[in-house]
């Protein structure tokens, strides 16, 4: 699956506008650099997984809303996972992403 960064940026911008927030406000909430959100929304910059998670938390939604346009209502669980990912370095994040991809492919009974 290839990500459409233009659509991701549009979804982030749409959610930000729904909440009536300015880009600078979201950048501060997410702890990202000045003008970085503008670049993401215009698909000039490609955000990392960590930045997507930070933006989702700042905009009170799930990363799914930005990545695939779907909203899930498991707020507490994904925020807990996001907090676990926050302090990880690049190698740890890559491993976590691989594991989550594998886990998503498993046919687990509820």
PDB file of N, CA and C in Angstrom:
ATOM      1  N   UNK A   1       0.841  -1.178   0.000  1.00  0.00           N
ATOM      2  CA  UNK A   1       0.000   0.000   0.000  1.00  0.00           C
ATOM      3  C   UNK A   1       0.887   1.244   0.000  1.00  0.00           C
ATOM      4  N   UNK A   2       0.653   2.100  -0.940  1.00  0.00           N
ATOM      5  CA  UNK A   2       1.422   3.336  -1.031  1.00  0.00           C
ATOM      6  C   UNK A   2       0.595   4.478  -0.459  1.00  0.00           C
ATOM      7  N   UNK A   3       1.217   5.290   0.372  1.00  0.00           N
ATOM      8  CA  UNK A   3       0.511   6.398   1.006  1.00  0.00           C
ATOM      9  C   UNK A   3       0.446   7.600   0.074  1.00  0.00           C
ATOM     10  N   UNK A   4      -0.695   8.258   0.070  1.00  0.00           N
ATOM     11  CA  UNK A   4      -0.899   9.472  -0.716  1.00  0.00           C
ATOM     12  C   UNK A   4      -0.701  10.663   0.224  1.00  0.00           C
ATOM     13  N   UNK A   5       0.490  11.232   0.202  1.00  0.00           N
ATOM     14  CA  UNK A   5       0.826  12.304   1.142  1.00  0.00           C
ATOM     15  C   UNK A   5       0.022  13.569   0.895  1.00  0.00           C
ATOM     16  N   UNK A   6      -0.439  13.765  -0.321  1.00  0.00           N
ATOM     17  CA  UNK A   6      -1.298  14.902  -0.607  1.00  0.00           C
ATOM     18  C   UNK A   6      -2.628  14.756   0.137  1.00  0.00           C
ATOM     19  N   UNK A   7      -3.202  13.543   0.109  1.00  0.00           N
ATOM     20  CA  UNK A   7      -4.455  13.290   0.824  1.00  0.00           C
ATOM     21  C   UNK A   7      -4.253  13.349   2.326  1.00  0.00           C
ATOM     22  N   UNK A   8      -3.128  12.844   2.806  1.00  0.00           N
ATOM     23  CA  UNK A   8      -2.839  12.910   4.244  1.00  0.00           C
ATOM     24  C   UNK A   8      -2.818  14.376   4.683  1.00  0.00           C
ATOM     25  N   UNK A   9      -2.144  15.211   3.937  1.00  0.00           N
ATOM     26  CA  UNK A   9      -2.086  16.633   4.256  1.00  0.00           C
ATOM     27  C   UNK A   9      -3.457  17.285   4.244  1.00  0.00           C
ATOM     28  N   UNK A  10      -4.277  16.922   3.260  1.00  0.00           N
ATOM     29  CA  UNK A  10      -5.634  17.480   3.179  1.00  0.00           C
ATOM     30  C   UNK A  10      -6.486  17.036   4.361  1.00  0.00           C
ATOM     31  N   UNK A  11      -6.333  15.788   4.769  1.00  0.00           N
ATOM     32  CA  UNK A  11      -7.109  15.285   5.915  1.00  0.00           C
ATOM     33  C   UNK A  11      -6.687  15.982   7.212  1.00  0.00           C
ATOM     34  N   UNK A  12      -5.387  16.196   7.360  1.00  0.00           N
ATOM     35  CA  UNK A  12      -4.895  16.903   8.547  1.00  0.00           C
ATOM     36  C   UNK A  12      -5.448  18.331   8.556  1.00  0.00           C
ATOM     37  N   UNK A  13      -5.385  19.004   7.416  1.00  0.00           N
ATOM     38  CA  UNK A  13      -5.886  20.380   7.316  1.00  0.00           C
ATOM     39  C   UNK A  13      -7.389  20.423   7.604  1.00  0.00           C
ATOM     40  N   UNK A  14      -8.128  19.465   7.070  1.00  0.00           N
ATOM     41  CA  UNK A  14      -9.578  19.419   7.295  1.00  0.00           C
ATOM     42  C   UNK A  14      -9.888  19.278   8.784  1.00  0.00           C
ATOM     43  N   UNK A  15      -9.186  18.359   9.464  1.00  0.00           N
ATOM     44  CA  UNK A  15      -9.424  18.155  10.891  1.00  0.00           C
ATOM     45  C   UNK A  15      -9.046  19.401  11.693  1.00  0.00           C
ATOM     46  N   UNK A  16      -7.936  20.025  11.344  1.00  0.00           N
ATOM     47  CA  UNK A  16      -7.500  21.241  12.034  1.00  0.00           C
ATOM     48  C   UNK A  16      -8.557  22.332  11.900  1.00  0.00           C
ATOM     49  N   UNK A  17      -9.088  22.489  10.697  1.00  0.00           N
ATOM     50  CA  UNK A  17     -10.107  23.514  10.449  1.00  0.00           C
ATOM     51  C   UNK A  17     -11.419  23.181  11.162  1.00  0.00           C
ATOM     52  N   UNK A  18     -11.760  21.883  11.249  1.00  0.00           N
ATOM     53  CA  UNK A  18     -12.959  21.477  11.991  1.00  0.00           C
ATOM     54  C   UNK A  18     -12.881  21.941  13.446  1.00  0.00           C
ATOM     55  N   UNK A  19     -11.685  21.899  13.983  1.00  0.00           N
ATOM     56  CA  UNK A  19     -11.477  22.293  15.376  1.00  0.00           C
ATOM     57  C   UNK A  19     -11.234  23.794  15.538  1.00  0.00           C
ATOM     58  N   UNK A  20     -11.152  24.506  14.421  1.00  0.00           N
ATOM     59  CA  UNK A  20     -10.950  25.949  14.463  1.00  0.00           C
ATOM     60  C   UNK A  20      -9.562  26.358  14.946  1.00  0.00           C
ATOM     61  N   UNK A  21      -8.573  25.525  14.633  1.00  0.00           N
ATOM     62  CA  UNK A  21      -7.208  25.797  15.082  1.00  0.00           C
ATOM     63  C   UNK A  21      -6.340  26.341  13.950  1.00  0.00           C
ATOM     64  N   UNK A  22      -5.412  27.192  14.314  1.00  0.00           N
ATOM     65  CA  UNK A  22      -4.435  27.701  13.362  1.00  0.00           C
ATOM     66  C   UNK A  22      -3.262  26.722  13.305  1.00  0.00           C
ATOM     67  N   UNK A  23      -2.521  26.777  12.214  1.00  0.00           N
ATOM     68  CA  UNK A  23      -1.376  25.882  12.062  1.00  0.00           C
ATOM     69  C   UNK A  23      -0.393  26.044  13.214  1.00  0.00           C
ATOM     70  N   UNK A  24      -0.101  27.260  13.603  1.00  0.00           N
ATOM     71  CA  UNK A  24       0.863  27.506  14.684  1.00  0.00           C
ATOM     72  C   UNK A  24       0.386  26.887  16.003  1.00  0.00           C
ATOM     73  N   UNK A  25      -0.922  26.916  16.237  1.00  0.00           N
ATOM     74  CA  UNK A  25      -1.460  26.319  17.463  1.00  0.00           C
ATOM     75  C   UNK A  25      -1.246  24.805  17.472  1.00  0.00           C
ATOM     76  N   UNK A  26      -1.497  24.179  16.334  1.00  0.00           N
ATOM     77  CA  UNK A  26      -1.327  22.727  16.236  1.00  0.00           C
ATOM     78  C   UNK A  26       0.148  22.360  16.330  1.00  0.00           C
ATOM     79  N   UNK A  27       1.003  23.150  15.695  1.00  0.00           N
ATOM     80  CA  UNK A  27       2.446  22.894  15.790  1.00  0.00           C
ATOM     81  C   UNK A  27       2.909  22.919  17.239  1.00  0.00           C
ATOM     82  N   UNK A  28       2.401  23.867  17.997  1.00  0.00           N
ATOM     83  CA  UNK A  28       2.779  23.957  19.410  1.00  0.00           C
ATOM     84  C   UNK A  28       2.238  22.758  20.190  1.00  0.00           C
ATOM     85  N   UNK A  29       0.967  22.403  19.960  1.00  0.00           N
ATOM     86  CA  UNK A  29       0.367  21.264  20.650  1.00  0.00           C
ATOM     87  C   UNK A  29       1.100  19.954  20.337  1.00  0.00           C
ATOM     88  N   UNK A  30       1.527  19.818  19.086  1.00  0.00           N
ATOM     89  CA  UNK A  30       2.182  18.583  18.647  1.00  0.00           C
ATOM     90  C   UNK A  30       3.685  18.600  18.897  1.00  0.00           C
ATOM     91  N   UNK A  31       4.227  19.740  19.253  1.00  0.00           N
ATOM     92  CA  UNK A  31       5.663  19.839  19.499  1.00  0.00           C
ATOM     93  C   UNK A  31       6.491  19.690  18.237  1.00  0.00           C
ATOM     94  N   UNK A  32       5.993  20.273  17.141  1.00  0.00           N
ATOM     95  CA  UNK A  32       6.732  20.214  15.880  1.00  0.00           C
ATOM     96  C   UNK A  32       7.158  21.627  15.483  1.00  0.00           C
ATOM     97  N   UNK A  33       8.077  21.711  14.563  1.00  0.00           N
ATOM     98  CA  UNK A  33       8.676  22.976  14.180  1.00  0.00           C
ATOM     99  C   UNK A  33       7.753  23.939  13.462  1.00  0.00           C
ATOM    100  N   UNK A  34       8.157  25.200  13.493  1.00  0.00           N
ATOM    101  CA  UNK A  34       7.453  26.286  12.839  1.00  0.00           C
ATOM    102  C   UNK A  34       7.381  26.031  11.330  1.00  0.00           C
ATOM    103  N   UNK A  35       6.212  26.181  10.761  1.00  0.00           N
ATOM    104  CA  UNK A  35       5.926  26.015   9.321  1.00  0.00           C
ATOM    105  C   UNK A  35       5.953  24.554   8.854  1.00  0.00           C
ATOM    106  N   UNK A  36       6.275  23.613   9.750  1.00  0.00           N
ATOM    107  CA  UNK A  36       6.315  22.197   9.353  1.00  0.00           C
ATOM    108  C   UNK A  36       4.923  21.695   8.987  1.00  0.00           C
ATOM    109  N   UNK A  37       3.909  22.111   9.750  1.00  0.00           N
ATOM    110  CA  UNK A  37       2.548  21.667   9.459  1.00  0.00           C
ATOM    111  C   UNK A  37       2.099  22.173   8.095  1.00  0.00           C
ATOM    112  N   UNK A  38       2.440  23.394   7.767  1.00  0.00           N
ATOM    113  CA  UNK A  38       2.101  23.936   6.446  1.00  0.00           C
ATOM    114  C   UNK A  38       2.699  23.064   5.347  1.00  0.00           C
ATOM    115  N   UNK A  39       3.952  22.662   5.535  1.00  0.00           N
ATOM    116  CA  UNK A  39       4.612  21.809   4.539  1.00  0.00           C
ATOM    117  C   UNK A  39       3.956  20.432   4.447  1.00  0.00           C
ATOM    118  N   UNK A  40       3.512  19.887   5.577  1.00  0.00           N
ATOM    119  CA  UNK A  40       2.830  18.591   5.576  1.00  0.00           C
ATOM    120  C   UNK A  40       1.488  18.715   4.866  1.00  0.00           C
ATOM    121  N   UNK A  41       0.729  19.746   5.205  1.00  0.00           N
ATOM    122  CA  UNK A  41      -0.596  19.937   4.611  1.00  0.00           C
ATOM    123  C   UNK A  41      -0.524  20.139   3.096  1.00  0.00           C
ATOM    124  N   UNK A  42       0.589  20.686   2.605  1.00  0.00           N
ATOM    125  CA  UNK A  42       0.761  20.906   1.159  1.00  0.00           C
ATOM    126  C   UNK A  42       1.545  19.777   0.486  1.00  0.00           C
ATOM    127  N   UNK A  43       1.869  18.721   1.262  1.00  0.00           N
ATOM    128  CA  UNK A  43       2.624  17.565   0.769  1.00  0.00           C
ATOM    129  C   UNK A  43       4.025  17.938   0.292  1.00  0.00           C
ATOM    130  N   UNK A  44       4.586  18.990   0.874  1.00  0.00           N
ATOM    131  CA  UNK A  44       5.967  19.376   0.591  1.00  0.00           C
ATOM    132  C   UNK A  44       6.902  18.532   1.452  1.00  0.00           C
ATOM    133  N   UNK A  45       6.478  18.255   2.689  1.00  0.00           N
ATOM    134  CA  UNK A  45       7.241  17.412   3.612  1.00  0.00           C
ATOM    135  C   UNK A  45       6.465  16.136   3.900  1.00  0.00           C
ATOM    136  N   UNK A  46       7.196  15.052   4.082  1.00  0.00           N
ATOM    137  CA  UNK A  46       6.593  13.769   4.418  1.00  0.00           C
ATOM    138  C   UNK A  46       6.791  13.546   5.917  1.00  0.00           C
ATOM    139  N   UNK A  47       5.672  13.464   6.663  1.00  0.00           N
ATOM    140  CA  UNK A  47       5.797  13.316   8.113  1.00  0.00           C
ATOM    141  C   UNK A  47       6.192  11.893   8.518  1.00  0.00           C
ATOM    142  N   UNK A  48       6.931  11.791   9.611  1.00  0.00           N
ATOM    143  CA  UNK A  48       7.288  10.482  10.158  1.00  0.00           C
ATOM    144  C   UNK A  48       6.073   9.908  10.889  1.00  0.00           C
ATOM    145  N   UNK A  49       6.175   8.661  11.264  1.00  0.00           N
ATOM    146  CA  UNK A  49       5.106   8.018  12.040  1.00  0.00           C
ATOM    147  C   UNK A  49       4.894   8.782  13.341  1.00  0.00           C
ATOM    148  N   UNK A  50       5.992   9.160  13.985  1.00  0.00           N
ATOM    149  CA  UNK A  50       5.875   9.889  15.248  1.00  0.00           C
ATOM    150  C   UNK A  50       5.131  11.206  15.063  1.00  0.00           C
ATOM    151  N   UNK A  51       5.398  11.921  13.985  1.00  0.00           N
ATOM    152  CA  UNK A  51       4.724  13.195  13.745  1.00  0.00           C
ATOM    153  C   UNK A  51       3.240  12.964  13.477  1.00  0.00           C
ATOM    154  N   UNK A  52       2.911  11.924  12.723  1.00  0.00           N
ATOM    155  CA  UNK A  52       1.496  11.583  12.487  1.00  0.00           C
ATOM    156  C   UNK A  52       0.805  11.321  13.822  1.00  0.00           C
ATOM    157  N   UNK A  53       1.462  10.568  14.703  1.00  0.00           N
ATOM    158  CA  UNK A  53       0.885  10.276  16.012  1.00  0.00           C
ATOM    159  C   UNK A  53       0.725  11.548  16.843  1.00  0.00           C
ATOM    160  N   UNK A  54       1.716  12.402  16.822  1.00  0.00           N
ATOM    161  CA  UNK A  54       1.636  13.662  17.576  1.00  0.00           C
ATOM    162  C   UNK A  54       0.497  14.538  17.061  1.00  0.00           C
ATOM    163  N   UNK A  55       0.362  14.609  15.743  1.00  0.00           N
ATOM    164  CA  UNK A  55      -0.718  15.404  15.156  1.00  0.00           C
ATOM    165  C   UNK A  55      -2.081  14.817  15.500  1.00  0.00           C
ATOM    166  N   UNK A  56      -2.177  13.493  15.490  1.00  0.00           N
ATOM    167  CA  UNK A  56      -3.449  12.848  15.847  1.00  0.00           C
ATOM    168  C   UNK A  56      -3.830  13.187  17.286  1.00  0.00           C
ATOM    169  N   UNK A  57      -2.869  13.146  18.185  1.00  0.00           N
ATOM    170  CA  UNK A  57      -3.148  13.489  19.585  1.00  0.00           C
ATOM    171  C   UNK A  57      -3.536  14.966  19.690  1.00  0.00           C
ATOM    172  N   UNK A  58      -2.775  15.832  19.033  1.00  0.00           N
ATOM    173  CA  UNK A  58      -3.051  17.270  19.093  1.00  0.00           C
ATOM    174  C   UNK A  58      -4.416  17.612  18.520  1.00  0.00           C
ATOM    175  N   UNK A  59      -4.848  16.843  17.512  1.00  0.00           N
ATOM    176  CA  UNK A  59      -6.121  17.109  16.844  1.00  0.00           C
ATOM    177  C   UNK A  59      -7.233  16.174  17.320  1.00  0.00           C
ATOM    178  N   UNK A  60      -6.984  15.477  18.422  1.00  0.00           N
ATOM    179  CA  UNK A  60      -7.979  14.637  19.083  1.00  0.00           C
ATOM    180  C   UNK A  60      -8.660  13.655  18.125  1.00  0.00           C
ATOM    181  N   UNK A  61      -7.830  12.891  17.436  1.00  0.00           N
ATOM    182  CA  UNK A  61      -8.348  11.881  16.518  1.00  0.00           C
ATOM    183  C   UNK A  61      -7.375  10.714  16.487  1.00  0.00           C
ATOM    184  N   UNK A  62      -7.594   9.802  15.563  1.00  0.00           N
ATOM    185  CA  UNK A  62      -6.689   8.665  15.406  1.00  0.00           C
ATOM    186  C   UNK A  62      -5.832   8.859  14.158  1.00  0.00           C
ATOM    187  N   UNK A  63      -4.670   8.226  14.106  1.00  0.00           N
ATOM    188  CA  UNK A  63      -3.842   8.315  12.899  1.00  0.00           C
ATOM    189  C   UNK A  63      -4.573   7.795  11.657  1.00  0.00           C
ATOM    190  N   UNK A  64      -5.512   6.871  11.851  1.00  0.00           N
ATOM    191  CA  UNK A  64      -6.289   6.333  10.724  1.00  0.00           C
ATOM    192  C   UNK A  64      -6.986   7.440   9.939  1.00  0.00           C
ATOM    193  N   UNK A  65      -7.465   8.445  10.643  1.00  0.00           N
ATOM    194  CA  UNK A  65      -8.179   9.524   9.959  1.00  0.00           C
ATOM    195  C   UNK A  65      -7.277  10.190   8.935  1.00  0.00           C
ATOM    196  N   UNK A  66      -6.006  10.358   9.268  1.00  0.00           N
ATOM    197  CA  UNK A  66      -5.073  11.002   8.349  1.00  0.00           C
ATOM    198  C   UNK A  66      -4.567  10.033   7.276  1.00  0.00           C
ATOM    199  N   UNK A  67      -4.246   8.810   7.685  1.00  0.00           N
ATOM    200  CA  UNK A  67      -3.615   7.858   6.773  1.00  0.00           C
ATOM    201  C   UNK A  67      -4.573   7.254   5.762  1.00  0.00           C
ATOM    202  N   UNK A  68      -5.774   6.875   6.203  1.00  0.00           N
ATOM    203  CA  UNK A  68      -6.715   6.214   5.296  1.00  0.00           C
ATOM    204  C   UNK A  68      -8.095   6.852   5.267  1.00  0.00           C
ATOM    205  N   UNK A  69      -8.286   7.910   6.040  1.00  0.00           N
ATOM    206  CA  UNK A  69      -9.568   8.602   6.036  1.00  0.00           C
ATOM    207  C   UNK A  69     -10.627   7.968   6.918  1.00  0.00           C
ATOM    208  N   UNK A  70     -10.240   7.036   7.770  1.00  0.00           N
ATOM    209  CA  UNK A  70     -11.190   6.364   8.663  1.00  0.00           C
ATOM    210  C   UNK A  70     -10.928   6.789  10.102  1.00  0.00           C
ATOM    211  N   UNK A  71     -11.999   6.919  10.845  1.00  0.00           N
ATOM    212  CA  UNK A  71     -11.873   7.283  12.249  1.00  0.00           C
ATOM    213  C   UNK A  71     -12.303   6.097  13.088  1.00  0.00           C
ATOM    214  N   UNK A  72     -11.464   5.719  14.008  1.00  0.00           N
ATOM    215  CA  UNK A  72     -11.802   4.655  14.951  1.00  0.00           C
ATOM    216  C   UNK A  72     -11.950   5.266  16.319  1.00  0.00           C
ATOM    217  N   UNK A  73     -12.778   4.666  17.105  1.00  0.00           N
ATOM    218  CA  UNK A  73     -13.053   5.219  18.429  1.00  0.00           C
ATOM    219  C   UNK A  73     -12.467   4.354  19.529  1.00  0.00           C
ATOM    220  N   UNK A  74     -11.182   4.139  19.452  1.00  0.00           N
ATOM    221  CA  UNK A  74     -10.443   3.421  20.487  1.00  0.00           C
ATOM    222  C   UNK A  74      -9.418   4.386  21.065  1.00  0.00           C
ATOM    223  N   UNK A  75      -9.883   5.567  21.428  1.00  0.00           N
ATOM    224  CA  UNK A  75      -9.015   6.671  21.808  1.00  0.00           C
ATOM    225  C   UNK A  75      -7.994   6.299  22.875  1.00  0.00           C
ATOM    226  N   UNK A  76      -8.451   5.727  23.957  1.00  0.00           N
ATOM    227  CA  UNK A  76      -7.533   5.439  25.050  1.00  0.00           C
ATOM    228  C   UNK A  76      -6.437   4.466  24.633  1.00  0.00           C
ATOM    229  N   UNK A  77      -6.794   3.409  23.914  1.00  0.00           N
ATOM    230  CA  UNK A  77      -5.821   2.399  23.518  1.00  0.00           C
ATOM    231  C   UNK A  77      -4.764   2.978  22.582  1.00  0.00           C
ATOM    232  N   UNK A  78      -5.158   3.693  21.544  1.00  0.00           N
ATOM    233  CA  UNK A  78      -4.148   4.201  20.607  1.00  0.00           C
ATOM    234  C   UNK A  78      -3.313   5.299  21.226  1.00  0.00           C
ATOM    235  N   UNK A  79      -3.890   6.086  22.138  1.00  0.00           N
ATOM    236  CA  UNK A  79      -3.080   7.109  22.795  1.00  0.00           C
ATOM    237  C   UNK A  79      -2.032   6.462  23.704  1.00  0.00           C
ATOM    238  N   UNK A  80      -2.401   5.359  24.343  1.00  0.00           N
ATOM    239  CA  UNK A  80      -1.438   4.636  25.169  1.00  0.00           C
ATOM    240  C   UNK A  80      -0.286   4.119  24.310  1.00  0.00           C
ATOM    241  N   UNK A  81      -0.626   3.578  23.135  1.00  0.00           N
ATOM    242  CA  UNK A  81       0.402   3.076  22.219  1.00  0.00           C
ATOM    243  C   UNK A  81       1.264   4.239  21.720  1.00  0.00           C
ATOM    244  N   UNK A  82       0.640   5.354  21.396  1.00  0.00           N
ATOM    245  CA  UNK A  82       1.386   6.529  20.924  1.00  0.00           C
ATOM    246  C   UNK A  82       2.389   7.000  21.976  1.00  0.00           C
ATOM    247  N   UNK A  83       1.977   6.977  23.223  1.00  0.00           N
ATOM    248  CA  UNK A  83       2.875   7.396  24.293  1.00  0.00           C
ATOM    249  C   UNK A  83       4.054   6.434  24.440  1.00  0.00           C
ATOM    250  N   UNK A  84       3.826   5.147  24.193  1.00  0.00           N
ATOM    251  CA  UNK A  84       4.920   4.179  24.242  1.00  0.00           C
ATOM    252  C   UNK A  84       5.911   4.416  23.103  1.00  0.00           C
ATOM    253  N   UNK A  85       5.406   4.855  21.958  1.00  0.00           N
ATOM    254  CA  UNK A  85       6.259   5.080  20.789  1.00  0.00           C
ATOM    255  C   UNK A  85       7.046   6.391  20.876  1.00  0.00           C
ATOM    256  N   UNK A  86       6.509   7.352  21.584  1.00  0.00           N
ATOM    257  CA  UNK A  86       7.094   8.703  21.611  1.00  0.00           C
ATOM    258  C   UNK A  86       8.590   8.732  21.936  1.00  0.00           C
ATOM    259  N   UNK A  87       9.095   8.022  22.962  1.00  0.00           N
ATOM    260  CA  UNK A  87      10.522   8.136  23.299  1.00  0.00           C
ATOM    261  C   UNK A  87      11.451   7.263  22.452  1.00  0.00           C
ATOM    262  N   UNK A  88      10.906   6.493  21.526  1.00  0.00           N
ATOM    263  CA  UNK A  88      11.727   5.551  20.767  1.00  0.00           C
ATOM    264  C   UNK A  88      12.600   6.251  19.730  1.00  0.00           C
ATOM    265  N   UNK A  89      13.767   5.628  19.467  1.00  0.00           N
ATOM    266  CA  UNK A  89      14.642   6.143  18.415  1.00  0.00           C
ATOM    267  C   UNK A  89      14.202   5.554  17.066  1.00  0.00           C
ATOM    268  N   UNK A  90      14.905   5.927  15.995  1.00  0.00           N
ATOM    269  CA  UNK A  90      14.498   5.498  14.652  1.00  0.00           C
ATOM    270  C   UNK A  90      14.474   3.982  14.493  1.00  0.00           C
ATOM    271  N   UNK A  91      15.469   3.303  15.023  1.00  0.00           N
ATOM    272  CA  UNK A  91      15.527   1.843  14.902  1.00  0.00           C
ATOM    273  C   UNK A  91      14.377   1.194  15.657  1.00  0.00           C
ATOM    274  N   UNK A  92      14.088   1.695  16.846  1.00  0.00           N
ATOM    275  CA  UNK A  92      12.978   1.142  17.627  1.00  0.00           C
ATOM    276  C   UNK A  92      11.640   1.393  16.930  1.00  0.00           C
ATOM    277  N   UNK A  93      11.461   2.581  16.357  1.00  0.00           N
ATOM    278  CA  UNK A  93      10.225   2.884  15.640  1.00  0.00           C
ATOM    279  C   UNK A  93      10.057   1.997  14.411  1.00  0.00           C
ATOM    280  N   UNK A  94      11.152   1.740  13.700  1.00  0.00           N
ATOM    281  CA  UNK A  94      11.091   0.866  12.527  1.00  0.00           C
ATOM    282  C   UNK A  94      10.685  -0.552  12.942  1.00  0.00           C
ATOM    283  N   UNK A  95      11.247  -1.026  14.033  1.00  0.00           N
ATOM    284  CA  UNK A  95      10.893  -2.348  14.531  1.00  0.00           C
ATOM    285  C   UNK A  95       9.429  -2.386  14.984  1.00  0.00           C
ATOM    286  N   UNK A  96       8.993  -1.337  15.681  1.00  0.00           N
ATOM    287  CA  UNK A  96       7.596  -1.261  16.122  1.00  0.00           C
ATOM    288  C   UNK A  96       6.659  -1.248  14.919  1.00  0.00           C
ATOM    289  N   UNK A  97       7.011  -0.516  13.881  1.00  0.00           N
ATOM    290  CA  UNK A  97       6.182  -0.468  12.676  1.00  0.00           C
ATOM    291  C   UNK A  97       6.113  -1.839  12.024  1.00  0.00           C
ATOM    292  N   UNK A  98       7.230  -2.532  11.946  1.00  0.00           N
ATOM    293  CA  UNK A  98       7.243  -3.882  11.364  1.00  0.00           C
ATOM    294  C   UNK A  98       6.351  -4.822  12.162  1.00  0.00           C
ATOM    295  N   UNK A  99       6.469  -4.737  13.484  1.00  0.00           N
ATOM    296  CA  UNK A  99       5.653  -5.596  14.334  1.00  0.00           C
ATOM    297  C   UNK A  99       4.170  -5.282  14.172  1.00  0.00           C
ATOM    298  N   UNK A 100       3.815  -3.997  14.156  1.00  0.00           N
ATOM    299  CA  UNK A 100       2.409  -3.624  14.017  1.00  0.00           C
ATOM    300  C   UNK A 100       1.854  -4.027  12.659  1.00  0.00           C
ATOM    301  N   UNK A 101       2.671  -3.933  11.627  1.00  0.00           N
ATOM    302  CA  UNK A 101       2.243  -4.386  10.304  1.00  0.00           C
ATOM    303  C   UNK A 101       1.976  -5.891  10.329  1.00  0.00           C
ATOM    304  N   UNK A 102       2.906  -6.640  10.910  1.00  0.00           N
ATOM    305  CA  UNK A 102       2.739  -8.097  11.037  1.00  0.00           C
ATOM    306  C   UNK A 102       1.490  -8.410  11.854  1.00  0.00           C
ATOM    307  N   UNK A 103       1.324  -7.740  12.976  1.00  0.00           N
ATOM    308  CA  UNK A 103       0.193  -7.988  13.856  1.00  0.00           C
ATOM    309  C   UNK A 103      -1.136  -7.732  13.136  1.00  0.00           C
ATOM    310  N   UNK A 104      -1.191  -6.685  12.350  1.00  0.00           N
ATOM    311  CA  UNK A 104      -2.394  -6.369  11.584  1.00  0.00           C
ATOM    312  C   UNK A 104      -2.744  -7.424  10.551  1.00  0.00           C
ATOM    313  N   UNK A 105      -1.758  -8.176  10.113  1.00  0.00           N
ATOM    314  CA  UNK A 105      -1.989  -9.229   9.114  1.00  0.00           C
ATOM    315  C   UNK A 105      -2.453 -10.539   9.734  1.00  0.00           C
ATOM    316  N   UNK A 106      -2.389 -10.628  11.059  1.00  0.00           N
ATOM    317  CA  UNK A 106      -2.768 -11.874  11.744  1.00  0.00           C
ATOM    318  C   UNK A 106      -4.284 -11.969  11.863  1.00  0.00           C
ATOM    319  N   UNK A 107      -4.788 -13.171  11.714  1.00  0.00           N
ATOM    320  CA  UNK A 107      -6.211 -13.430  11.844  1.00  0.00           C
ATOM    321  C   UNK A 107      -6.492 -13.874  13.269  1.00  0.00           C
ATOM    322  N   UNK A 108      -6.682 -12.917  14.157  1.00  0.00           N
ATOM    323  CA  UNK A 108      -6.887 -13.226  15.569  1.00  0.00           C
ATOM    324  C   UNK A 108      -8.375 -13.149  15.906  1.00  0.00           C
ATOM    325  N   UNK A 109      -8.849 -14.135  16.615  1.00  0.00           N
ATOM    326  CA  UNK A 109     -10.230 -14.127  17.072  1.00  0.00           C
ATOM    327  C   UNK A 109     -10.355 -13.139  18.216  1.00  0.00           C
ATOM    328  N   UNK A 110     -11.485 -12.474  18.323  1.00  0.00           N
ATOM    329  CA  UNK A 110     -11.680 -11.505  19.414  1.00  0.00           C
ATOM    330  C   UNK A 110     -11.908 -12.152  20.721  1.00  0.00           C
TER     331      UNK A 110
END
